Every structure is written in C-alpha cells, then in structure tokens.
C-alpha cells in the first residue's frame, strides 16, 4: 500500500509540472505572436500622413502604362550553316496615357524597327542574359529614335521581353 501511495503521489506532481510547462509555452507563443503583430501591422502615423499628402501629379508620374505589341516578332538567324528561328513577345512601357495612344498609333513603325534590331543580333547574344539585356537596350534606343522622327520626342520608357523562344 505504501508503494502505491508513493507512485500515486508522484503522478499528480508530474502532471502538474507538465500542465505548467504547457501553459507557459502557450503564453510565450501568444506574447510572441502579439509582438510580431504589433511590430509589422501597426502603421507609423507620420508615414501615413506623408503618404496621404503626396500630390496627385507625383502619383501620375509613377504610373506605368504597358503597351503590348499585337503579335510576337518572328525572325531567322544564322548560326554557322544552321538556320535558327527566334520568336520574341514584346511589351513597351510608356510614361502616361497620352503616350500610350501615340505608341499604338505607330505600331507598324515600331514592329519594323524591332525586327531590324532583332535581325542584327547573333545567336550567342540571344542565348546569354547579358546579351538579351544589351538587345533590350539597343531596341529601346532605336525605338526612341523612330518615335522622335515622327513625334519629335521619345515615347518609350522601357522595353520588356515577355516571351522568348529560340529554336
């Protein structure tokens, strides 16, 4: 009997310790979650006021307008004696809605310019990320030259390759 009392006496003390440890762990988790919530989701009132006071003109300047070319540009390249075909889908970023209308008006001129630029590229240039970036920058320069000839100013801010296939 004495042994049973000793065993039963240890069991409630062990259970109490386990319950205390579990409650302490839950409290620590709740406190940590509350701290994370307040750190990440409580806004700085000064930054909110500054964001609300931003003039409308600045917001319009930050607006990007995407003008997709209506069809992918397909052209042939020579790699040694092998003929390769490339297909590039292009989107142009312009600064405002008025420029979007002008760019859409001159799509045939822009497509012709892009085919000329892409046709001068080498297969090695089209394979490397650095070569693609150079091609993108060359395309931007040539497109802005073309738009300057017809509209007396550069209309395009950035050239994006949204699809690129080399076979």
N, C-alpha and C. Protein backbone atom coordinates (compact mmCIF):
# COMPACT_ATOMS: atom_id res chain seq x y z
N UNK A 1 0.80 -1.18 0.00
CA UNK A 1 0.00 0.00 0.00
C UNK A 1 0.85 1.24 0.00
N UNK A 2 1.92 1.19 0.77
CA UNK A 2 2.79 2.36 0.86
C UNK A 2 3.40 2.65 -0.50
N UNK A 3 3.73 1.59 -1.23
CA UNK A 3 4.31 1.80 -2.55
C UNK A 3 3.28 2.41 -3.51
N UNK A 4 2.05 2.03 -3.41
CA UNK A 4 1.01 2.58 -4.27
C UNK A 4 0.83 4.07 -3.98
N UNK A 5 0.86 4.45 -2.70
CA UNK A 5 0.72 5.87 -2.36
C UNK A 5 1.90 6.66 -2.89
N UNK A 6 3.08 6.10 -2.86
CA UNK A 6 4.27 6.81 -3.35
C UNK A 6 4.16 7.00 -4.86
N UNK A 7 3.72 5.98 -5.56
CA UNK A 7 3.58 6.07 -7.00
C UNK A 7 2.48 7.05 -7.36
N UNK A 8 1.34 6.95 -6.67
CA UNK A 8 0.24 7.86 -6.97
C UNK A 8 0.58 9.28 -6.55
N UNK A 9 1.44 9.46 -5.57
CA UNK A 9 1.88 10.79 -5.14
C UNK A 9 2.77 11.43 -6.19
N UNK A 10 3.60 10.68 -6.92
CA UNK A 10 4.47 11.21 -7.96
C UNK A 10 3.68 11.59 -9.21
N UNK A 11 2.66 10.84 -9.49
CA UNK A 11 1.93 11.07 -10.73
C UNK A 11 1.25 12.43 -10.74
N UNK A 12 0.54 12.86 -9.70
CA UNK A 12 -0.08 14.18 -9.76
C UNK A 12 0.97 15.28 -9.82
N UNK A 13 2.09 15.13 -9.16
CA UNK A 13 3.13 16.16 -9.22
C UNK A 13 3.71 16.25 -10.63
N UNK A 14 3.89 15.12 -11.30
CA UNK A 14 4.40 15.09 -12.68
C UNK A 14 3.41 15.72 -13.64
N UNK A 15 2.11 15.45 -13.41
CA UNK A 15 1.08 16.02 -14.27
C UNK A 15 1.01 17.53 -14.06
N UNK A 16 1.19 17.98 -12.83
CA UNK A 16 1.15 19.41 -12.56
C UNK A 16 2.31 20.11 -13.26
N UNK A 17 3.47 19.51 -13.21
CA UNK A 17 4.63 20.10 -13.89
C UNK A 17 4.40 20.18 -15.39
N UNK A 18 3.84 19.12 -15.97
CA UNK A 18 3.57 19.09 -17.39
C UNK A 18 2.55 20.17 -17.78
N UNK A 19 1.50 20.32 -16.96
CA UNK A 19 0.49 21.35 -17.23
C UNK A 19 1.11 22.74 -17.13
N UNK A 20 1.96 22.97 -16.17
CA UNK A 20 2.61 24.28 -16.00
C UNK A 20 3.51 24.57 -17.20
N UNK A 21 4.24 23.59 -17.66
CA UNK A 21 5.13 23.78 -18.82
C UNK A 21 4.31 24.09 -20.08
N UNK A 22 3.22 23.38 -20.28
CA UNK A 22 2.37 23.61 -21.46
C UNK A 22 1.75 25.00 -21.41
N UNK A 23 1.24 25.40 -20.26
CA UNK A 23 0.64 26.74 -20.11
C UNK A 23 1.69 27.82 -20.35
N UNK A 24 2.89 27.63 -19.83
CA UNK A 24 3.97 28.62 -20.03
C UNK A 24 4.34 28.71 -21.51
N UNK A 25 4.41 27.59 -22.20
CA UNK A 25 4.75 27.60 -23.62
C UNK A 25 3.66 28.30 -24.43
N UNK A 26 2.41 28.05 -24.12
CA UNK A 26 1.30 28.71 -24.82
C UNK A 26 1.35 30.22 -24.58
N UNK A 27 1.61 30.64 -23.35
CA UNK A 27 1.70 32.07 -23.04
C UNK A 27 2.86 32.73 -23.80
N UNK A 28 3.98 32.06 -23.88
CA UNK A 28 5.12 32.60 -24.63
C UNK A 28 4.76 32.75 -26.10
N UNK A 29 4.10 31.77 -26.68
CA UNK A 29 3.67 31.84 -28.08
C UNK A 29 2.68 32.98 -28.31
N UNK A 30 1.75 33.17 -27.41
CA UNK A 30 0.77 34.25 -27.55
C UNK A 30 1.46 35.60 -27.47
N UNK A 31 2.37 35.75 -26.53
CA UNK A 31 3.09 37.02 -26.38
C UNK A 31 3.95 37.29 -27.62
N UNK A 32 4.61 36.26 -28.15
CA UNK A 32 5.44 36.43 -29.34
C UNK A 32 4.57 36.81 -30.55
N UNK A 33 3.42 36.16 -30.69
CA UNK A 33 2.53 36.47 -31.80
C UNK A 33 2.00 37.90 -31.69
N UNK A 34 1.67 38.34 -30.51
CA UNK A 34 1.19 39.71 -30.31
C UNK A 34 2.29 40.71 -30.63
N UNK A 35 3.52 40.42 -30.23
CA UNK A 35 4.63 41.33 -30.52
C UNK A 35 4.87 41.43 -32.03
N UNK A 36 4.84 40.32 -32.72
CA UNK A 36 5.02 40.33 -34.17
C UNK A 36 3.89 41.10 -34.84
N UNK A 37 2.68 40.89 -34.39
CA UNK A 37 1.54 41.59 -34.96
C UNK A 37 1.70 43.10 -34.80
N UNK A 38 2.03 43.55 -33.62
CA UNK A 38 2.15 44.99 -33.39
C UNK A 38 3.34 45.59 -34.13
N UNK A 39 4.43 44.85 -34.26
CA UNK A 39 5.60 45.38 -34.96
C UNK A 39 5.34 45.52 -36.46
N UNK A 40 4.69 44.54 -37.06
CA UNK A 40 4.52 44.55 -38.51
C UNK A 40 3.24 45.23 -38.98
N UNK A 41 2.21 45.22 -38.17
CA UNK A 41 0.93 45.73 -38.65
C UNK A 41 0.53 47.06 -38.05
N UNK A 42 1.28 47.55 -37.09
CA UNK A 42 0.96 48.89 -36.60
C UNK A 42 1.68 49.89 -37.48
N UNK A 43 0.90 50.78 -38.09
CA UNK A 43 1.46 51.76 -39.03
C UNK A 43 2.08 52.92 -38.28
N UNK A 44 3.08 53.51 -38.91
CA UNK A 44 3.70 54.70 -38.38
C UNK A 44 2.82 55.88 -38.78
N UNK A 45 2.25 56.63 -37.83
CA UNK A 45 1.33 57.70 -38.19
C UNK A 45 1.98 58.77 -39.06
N UNK A 46 3.25 59.02 -38.87
CA UNK A 46 3.93 60.04 -39.67
C UNK A 46 4.02 59.62 -41.13
N UNK A 47 4.34 58.35 -41.39
CA UNK A 47 4.46 57.88 -42.77
C UNK A 47 3.09 57.83 -43.45
N UNK A 48 2.04 57.53 -42.69
CA UNK A 48 0.70 57.52 -43.27
C UNK A 48 0.28 58.93 -43.66
N UNK A 49 0.59 59.91 -42.84
CA UNK A 49 0.27 61.30 -43.18
C UNK A 49 1.03 61.75 -44.41
N UNK A 50 2.29 61.37 -44.51
CA UNK A 50 3.10 61.75 -45.68
C UNK A 50 2.55 61.09 -46.94
N UNK A 51 2.11 59.86 -46.83
CA UNK A 51 1.55 59.17 -47.99
C UNK A 51 0.25 59.82 -48.44
N UNK A 52 -0.55 60.30 -47.49
CA UNK A 52 -1.81 60.94 -47.85
C UNK A 52 -1.59 62.32 -48.45
N UNK A 53 -0.47 62.97 -48.15
CA UNK A 53 -0.20 64.31 -48.64
C UNK A 53 0.55 64.32 -49.96
N UNK A 54 0.82 63.16 -50.56
CA UNK A 54 1.52 63.09 -51.84
C UNK A 54 0.65 63.73 -52.91
N UNK A 55 1.19 64.69 -53.64
CA UNK A 55 0.39 65.34 -54.67
C UNK A 55 -0.02 64.37 -55.77
N UNK A 56 -1.14 64.66 -56.41
CA UNK A 56 -1.68 63.81 -57.46
C UNK A 56 -0.72 63.78 -58.64
N UNK A 57 -0.02 64.86 -58.91
CA UNK A 57 0.90 64.91 -60.04
C UNK A 57 2.01 63.89 -59.88
N UNK A 58 2.52 63.70 -58.67
CA UNK A 58 3.58 62.73 -58.44
C UNK A 58 3.07 61.31 -58.66
N UNK A 59 1.83 61.04 -58.27
CA UNK A 59 1.26 59.72 -58.46
C UNK A 59 1.14 59.42 -59.95
N UNK A 60 0.74 60.39 -60.74
CA UNK A 60 0.62 60.18 -62.17
C UNK A 60 1.98 59.93 -62.81
N UNK A 61 3.02 60.56 -62.32
CA UNK A 61 4.36 60.35 -62.87
C UNK A 61 4.84 58.93 -62.63
N UNK A 62 4.41 58.33 -61.53
CA UNK A 62 4.86 56.98 -61.20
C UNK A 62 4.06 55.90 -61.93
N UNK A 63 3.00 56.29 -62.62
CA UNK A 63 2.15 55.33 -63.31
C UNK A 63 2.85 54.78 -64.55
N UNK A 64 2.86 53.47 -64.68
CA UNK A 64 3.44 52.82 -65.86
C UNK A 64 2.30 52.28 -66.71
N UNK A 65 2.37 52.56 -67.99
CA UNK A 65 1.37 52.07 -68.93
C UNK A 65 2.04 51.08 -69.86
N UNK A 66 1.49 49.87 -69.92
CA UNK A 66 2.04 48.81 -70.74
C UNK A 66 1.34 48.78 -72.09
N UNK A 67 2.13 48.73 -73.15
CA UNK A 67 1.59 48.62 -74.49
C UNK A 67 2.15 47.33 -75.10
N UNK A 68 1.33 46.29 -75.19
CA UNK A 68 1.82 45.05 -75.79
C UNK A 68 1.86 45.17 -77.31
N UNK A 69 2.89 44.61 -77.91
CA UNK A 69 2.91 44.53 -79.36
C UNK A 69 1.84 43.50 -79.74
N UNK A 70 1.10 43.76 -80.82
CA UNK A 70 -0.06 42.90 -81.10
C UNK A 70 0.27 41.45 -81.41
N UNK A 71 1.45 41.19 -81.92
CA UNK A 71 1.82 39.80 -82.24
C UNK A 71 3.31 39.60 -81.93
N UNK A 72 3.72 38.36 -81.66
CA UNK A 72 5.13 38.10 -81.42
C UNK A 72 5.94 38.38 -82.69
N UNK A 73 7.17 38.80 -82.51
CA UNK A 73 8.07 39.07 -83.63
C UNK A 73 8.87 37.81 -83.92
N UNK A 74 8.77 37.32 -85.14
CA UNK A 74 9.44 36.10 -85.54
C UNK A 74 10.47 36.45 -86.61
N UNK A 75 11.69 35.96 -86.44
CA UNK A 75 12.75 36.26 -87.40
C UNK A 75 13.74 35.11 -87.43
N UNK A 76 14.54 35.06 -88.50
CA UNK A 76 15.53 34.00 -88.71
C UNK A 76 16.92 34.50 -88.39
N UNK A 77 17.74 33.59 -87.88
CA UNK A 77 19.15 33.87 -87.56
C UNK A 77 20.01 32.74 -88.12
N UNK A 78 21.22 33.06 -88.51
CA UNK A 78 22.15 32.04 -88.98
C UNK A 78 23.17 31.75 -87.88
N UNK A 79 23.36 30.47 -87.58
CA UNK A 79 24.39 30.02 -86.65
C UNK A 79 25.27 29.05 -87.42
N UNK A 80 26.37 29.57 -87.95
CA UNK A 80 27.22 28.76 -88.81
C UNK A 80 26.45 28.46 -90.09
N UNK A 81 26.22 27.18 -90.35
CA UNK A 81 25.45 26.81 -91.54
C UNK A 81 24.00 26.47 -91.17
N UNK A 82 23.67 26.61 -89.90
CA UNK A 82 22.34 26.23 -89.43
C UNK A 82 21.43 27.46 -89.33
N UNK A 83 20.23 27.35 -89.84
CA UNK A 83 19.26 28.42 -89.78
C UNK A 83 18.41 28.26 -88.52
N UNK A 84 18.33 29.28 -87.70
CA UNK A 84 17.55 29.24 -86.47
C UNK A 84 16.40 30.23 -86.56
N UNK A 85 15.34 29.94 -85.83
CA UNK A 85 14.18 30.82 -85.78
C UNK A 85 14.03 31.32 -84.34
N UNK A 86 13.77 32.61 -84.22
CA UNK A 86 13.55 33.21 -82.90
C UNK A 86 12.18 33.87 -82.88
N UNK A 87 11.55 33.82 -81.72
CA UNK A 87 10.26 34.48 -81.52
C UNK A 87 10.34 35.25 -80.21
N UNK A 88 10.03 36.54 -80.27
CA UNK A 88 10.09 37.38 -79.08
C UNK A 88 8.77 38.12 -78.94
N UNK A 89 8.16 38.01 -77.76
CA UNK A 89 6.97 38.81 -77.44
C UNK A 89 7.46 40.04 -76.68
N UNK A 90 6.99 41.20 -77.11
CA UNK A 90 7.49 42.46 -76.56
C UNK A 90 6.33 43.27 -75.99
N UNK A 91 6.60 43.91 -74.85
CA UNK A 91 5.71 44.92 -74.30
C UNK A 91 6.53 46.17 -74.05
N UNK A 92 5.93 47.31 -74.26
CA UNK A 92 6.60 48.59 -74.08
C UNK A 92 5.97 49.31 -72.89
N UNK A 93 6.80 49.96 -72.10
CA UNK A 93 6.30 50.78 -71.00
C UNK A 93 6.44 52.24 -71.42
N UNK A 94 5.33 52.97 -71.31
CA UNK A 94 5.33 54.41 -71.58
C UNK A 94 4.92 55.13 -70.31
N UNK A 95 5.19 56.43 -70.26
CA UNK A 95 5.00 57.18 -69.03
C UNK A 95 3.57 57.61 -68.74
N UNK A 96 2.76 57.82 -69.76
CA UNK A 96 1.40 58.30 -69.49
C UNK A 96 0.44 57.79 -70.56
N UNK A 97 -0.84 58.03 -70.32
CA UNK A 97 -1.88 57.53 -71.23
C UNK A 97 -1.80 58.17 -72.61
N UNK A 98 -1.42 59.44 -72.69
CA UNK A 98 -1.31 60.11 -73.99
C UNK A 98 -0.25 59.43 -74.84
N UNK A 99 0.87 59.06 -74.22
CA UNK A 99 1.93 58.36 -74.96
C UNK A 99 1.47 56.97 -75.39
N UNK A 100 0.60 56.35 -74.60
CA UNK A 100 0.06 55.04 -74.97
C UNK A 100 -0.69 55.13 -76.30
N UNK A 101 -1.48 56.16 -76.44
CA UNK A 101 -2.25 56.35 -77.69
C UNK A 101 -1.29 56.56 -78.86
N UNK A 102 -0.26 57.37 -78.65
CA UNK A 102 0.70 57.64 -79.72
C UNK A 102 1.48 56.38 -80.11
N UNK A 103 1.87 55.60 -79.12
CA UNK A 103 2.62 54.37 -79.41
C UNK A 103 1.74 53.39 -80.18
N UNK A 104 0.50 53.25 -79.79
CA UNK A 104 -0.41 52.35 -80.51
C UNK A 104 -0.62 52.83 -81.95
N UNK A 105 -0.60 54.12 -82.15
CA UNK A 105 -0.76 54.69 -83.50
C UNK A 105 0.41 54.29 -84.40
N UNK A 106 1.61 54.17 -83.83
CA UNK A 106 2.82 53.90 -84.60
C UNK A 106 3.31 52.45 -84.49
N UNK A 107 2.43 51.52 -84.18
CA UNK A 107 2.80 50.10 -84.03
C UNK A 107 3.53 49.57 -85.27
N UNK A 108 3.09 49.82 -86.50
CA UNK A 108 3.82 49.27 -87.66
C UNK A 108 5.27 49.76 -87.72
N UNK A 109 5.50 51.03 -87.44
CA UNK A 109 6.86 51.57 -87.41
C UNK A 109 7.69 50.89 -86.32
N UNK A 110 7.10 50.70 -85.17
CA UNK A 110 7.81 50.08 -84.04
C UNK A 110 8.12 48.61 -84.32
N UNK A 111 7.18 47.89 -84.92
CA UNK A 111 7.43 46.49 -85.27
C UNK A 111 8.57 46.39 -86.28
N UNK A 112 8.55 47.24 -87.27
CA UNK A 112 9.61 47.22 -88.27
C UNK A 112 10.97 47.50 -87.63
N UNK A 113 11.01 48.47 -86.75
CA UNK A 113 12.26 48.80 -86.06
C UNK A 113 12.74 47.62 -85.22
N UNK A 114 11.83 46.97 -84.50
CA UNK A 114 12.22 45.83 -83.67
C UNK A 114 12.72 44.66 -84.50
N UNK A 115 12.08 44.38 -85.62
CA UNK A 115 12.54 43.28 -86.48
C UNK A 115 13.94 43.58 -87.01
N UNK A 116 14.20 44.83 -87.36
CA UNK A 116 15.54 45.21 -87.83
C UNK A 116 16.58 45.00 -86.73
N UNK A 117 16.26 45.46 -85.52
CA UNK A 117 17.21 45.32 -84.40
C UNK A 117 17.43 43.85 -84.07
N UNK A 118 16.35 43.08 -83.98
CA UNK A 118 16.47 41.67 -83.62
C UNK A 118 17.18 40.87 -84.70
N UNK A 119 16.98 41.23 -85.95
CA UNK A 119 17.63 40.53 -87.05
C UNK A 119 19.13 40.71 -87.07
N UNK A 120 19.63 41.78 -86.47
CA UNK A 120 21.07 42.04 -86.41
C UNK A 120 21.74 41.30 -85.25
N UNK A 121 20.96 40.72 -84.37
CA UNK A 121 21.51 40.02 -83.20
C UNK A 121 22.09 38.67 -83.61
N UNK A 122 23.04 38.21 -82.82
CA UNK A 122 23.62 36.89 -83.05
C UNK A 122 22.95 35.87 -82.13
N UNK A 123 23.10 34.60 -82.48
CA UNK A 123 22.52 33.54 -81.66
C UNK A 123 23.16 33.55 -80.27
N UNK A 124 24.46 33.78 -80.20
CA UNK A 124 25.14 33.83 -78.90
C UNK A 124 24.58 34.95 -78.04
N UNK A 125 24.28 36.08 -78.66
CA UNK A 125 23.73 37.21 -77.92
C UNK A 125 22.34 36.86 -77.37
N UNK A 126 21.56 36.15 -78.14
CA UNK A 126 20.21 35.79 -77.71
C UNK A 126 20.22 34.70 -76.64
N UNK A 127 21.30 33.96 -76.53
CA UNK A 127 21.37 32.88 -75.53
C UNK A 127 21.74 33.37 -74.15
N UNK A 128 22.53 34.43 -74.06
CA UNK A 128 23.01 34.87 -72.74
C UNK A 128 22.12 35.96 -72.16
N UNK A 129 21.95 35.97 -70.85
CA UNK A 129 21.16 37.02 -70.20
C UNK A 129 21.73 38.42 -70.46
N UNK A 130 23.05 38.52 -70.45
CA UNK A 130 23.69 39.81 -70.70
C UNK A 130 23.43 40.26 -72.14
N UNK A 131 23.47 39.33 -73.08
CA UNK A 131 23.19 39.65 -74.47
C UNK A 131 21.74 40.08 -74.67
N UNK A 132 20.81 39.43 -73.96
CA UNK A 132 19.41 39.82 -74.05
C UNK A 132 19.21 41.23 -73.51
N UNK A 133 19.91 41.54 -72.41
CA UNK A 133 19.80 42.88 -71.83
C UNK A 133 20.35 43.93 -72.80
N UNK A 134 21.48 43.63 -73.44
CA UNK A 134 22.03 44.55 -74.44
C UNK A 134 21.06 44.74 -75.60
N UNK A 135 20.45 43.65 -76.04
CA UNK A 135 19.47 43.72 -77.12
C UNK A 135 18.27 44.58 -76.72
N UNK A 136 17.83 44.43 -75.48
CA UNK A 136 16.72 45.23 -74.97
C UNK A 136 17.07 46.72 -74.97
N UNK A 137 18.29 47.04 -74.54
CA UNK A 137 18.73 48.45 -74.51
C UNK A 137 18.87 49.01 -75.93
N UNK A 138 19.41 48.21 -76.84
CA UNK A 138 19.53 48.64 -78.24
C UNK A 138 18.14 48.87 -78.84
N UNK A 139 17.21 47.98 -78.55
CA UNK A 139 15.84 48.13 -79.04
C UNK A 139 15.22 49.41 -78.50
N UNK A 140 15.44 49.71 -77.23
CA UNK A 140 14.91 50.93 -76.63
C UNK A 140 15.46 52.17 -77.34
N UNK A 141 16.77 52.19 -77.57
CA UNK A 141 17.38 53.34 -78.26
C UNK A 141 16.81 53.51 -79.66
N UNK A 142 16.70 52.42 -80.40
CA UNK A 142 16.22 52.50 -81.78
C UNK A 142 14.73 52.88 -81.84
N UNK A 143 13.94 52.35 -80.92
CA UNK A 143 12.53 52.70 -80.88
C UNK A 143 12.34 54.18 -80.56
N UNK A 144 13.14 54.69 -79.64
CA UNK A 144 13.02 56.11 -79.30
C UNK A 144 13.51 57.00 -80.44
N UNK A 145 14.51 56.53 -81.21
CA UNK A 145 14.91 57.28 -82.41
C UNK A 145 13.76 57.35 -83.41
N UNK A 146 13.08 56.22 -83.59
CA UNK A 146 11.96 56.16 -84.54
C UNK A 146 10.81 57.06 -84.08
N UNK A 147 10.48 57.02 -82.79
CA UNK A 147 9.38 57.87 -82.32
C UNK A 147 9.77 59.34 -82.32
N UNK A 148 11.04 59.63 -82.16
CA UNK A 148 11.49 61.03 -82.22
C UNK A 148 11.33 61.56 -83.63
N UNK A 149 11.54 60.72 -84.63
CA UNK A 149 11.39 61.16 -86.02
C UNK A 149 9.94 61.53 -86.34
N UNK A 150 8.98 60.80 -85.79
CA UNK A 150 7.59 61.06 -86.14
C UNK A 150 6.84 61.94 -85.13
N UNK A 151 7.24 61.90 -83.87
CA UNK A 151 6.54 62.68 -82.84
C UNK A 151 7.42 63.75 -82.18
N UNK A 152 8.66 63.87 -82.60
CA UNK A 152 9.63 64.84 -82.09
C UNK A 152 9.97 64.65 -80.60
N UNK A 153 9.75 63.47 -80.08
CA UNK A 153 10.19 63.14 -78.72
C UNK A 153 10.17 61.63 -78.51
N UNK A 154 10.95 61.20 -77.55
CA UNK A 154 11.00 59.78 -77.22
C UNK A 154 9.75 59.43 -76.41
N UNK A 155 9.08 58.37 -76.79
CA UNK A 155 7.83 57.98 -76.14
C UNK A 155 7.97 56.79 -75.21
N UNK A 156 9.00 55.97 -75.42
CA UNK A 156 9.09 54.68 -74.74
C UNK A 156 10.06 54.76 -73.58
N UNK A 157 9.61 54.25 -72.44
CA UNK A 157 10.44 54.27 -71.23
C UNK A 157 11.25 52.99 -71.09
N UNK A 158 10.63 51.84 -71.35
CA UNK A 158 11.30 50.54 -71.18
C UNK A 158 10.76 49.54 -72.20
N UNK A 159 11.62 48.63 -72.62
CA UNK A 159 11.23 47.51 -73.48
C UNK A 159 11.32 46.25 -72.64
N UNK A 160 10.24 45.45 -72.65
CA UNK A 160 10.20 44.20 -71.89
C UNK A 160 10.05 43.04 -72.87
N UNK A 161 10.79 41.97 -72.63
CA UNK A 161 10.62 40.73 -73.38
C UNK A 161 9.73 39.84 -72.51
N UNK A 162 8.50 39.60 -72.92
CA UNK A 162 7.58 38.78 -72.13
C UNK A 162 7.54 37.34 -72.62
N UNK A 163 8.11 37.07 -73.76
CA UNK A 163 8.21 35.71 -74.27
C UNK A 163 9.44 35.64 -75.16
N UNK A 164 10.21 34.57 -75.01
CA UNK A 164 11.47 34.47 -75.76
C UNK A 164 11.70 33.01 -76.12
N UNK A 165 11.66 32.70 -77.42
CA UNK A 165 11.87 31.32 -77.87
C UNK A 165 12.94 31.35 -78.95
N UNK A 166 13.93 30.48 -78.82
CA UNK A 166 14.99 30.34 -79.82
C UNK A 166 15.06 28.87 -80.20
N UNK A 167 14.83 28.58 -81.50
CA UNK A 167 14.84 27.18 -81.96
C UNK A 167 15.92 26.97 -82.98
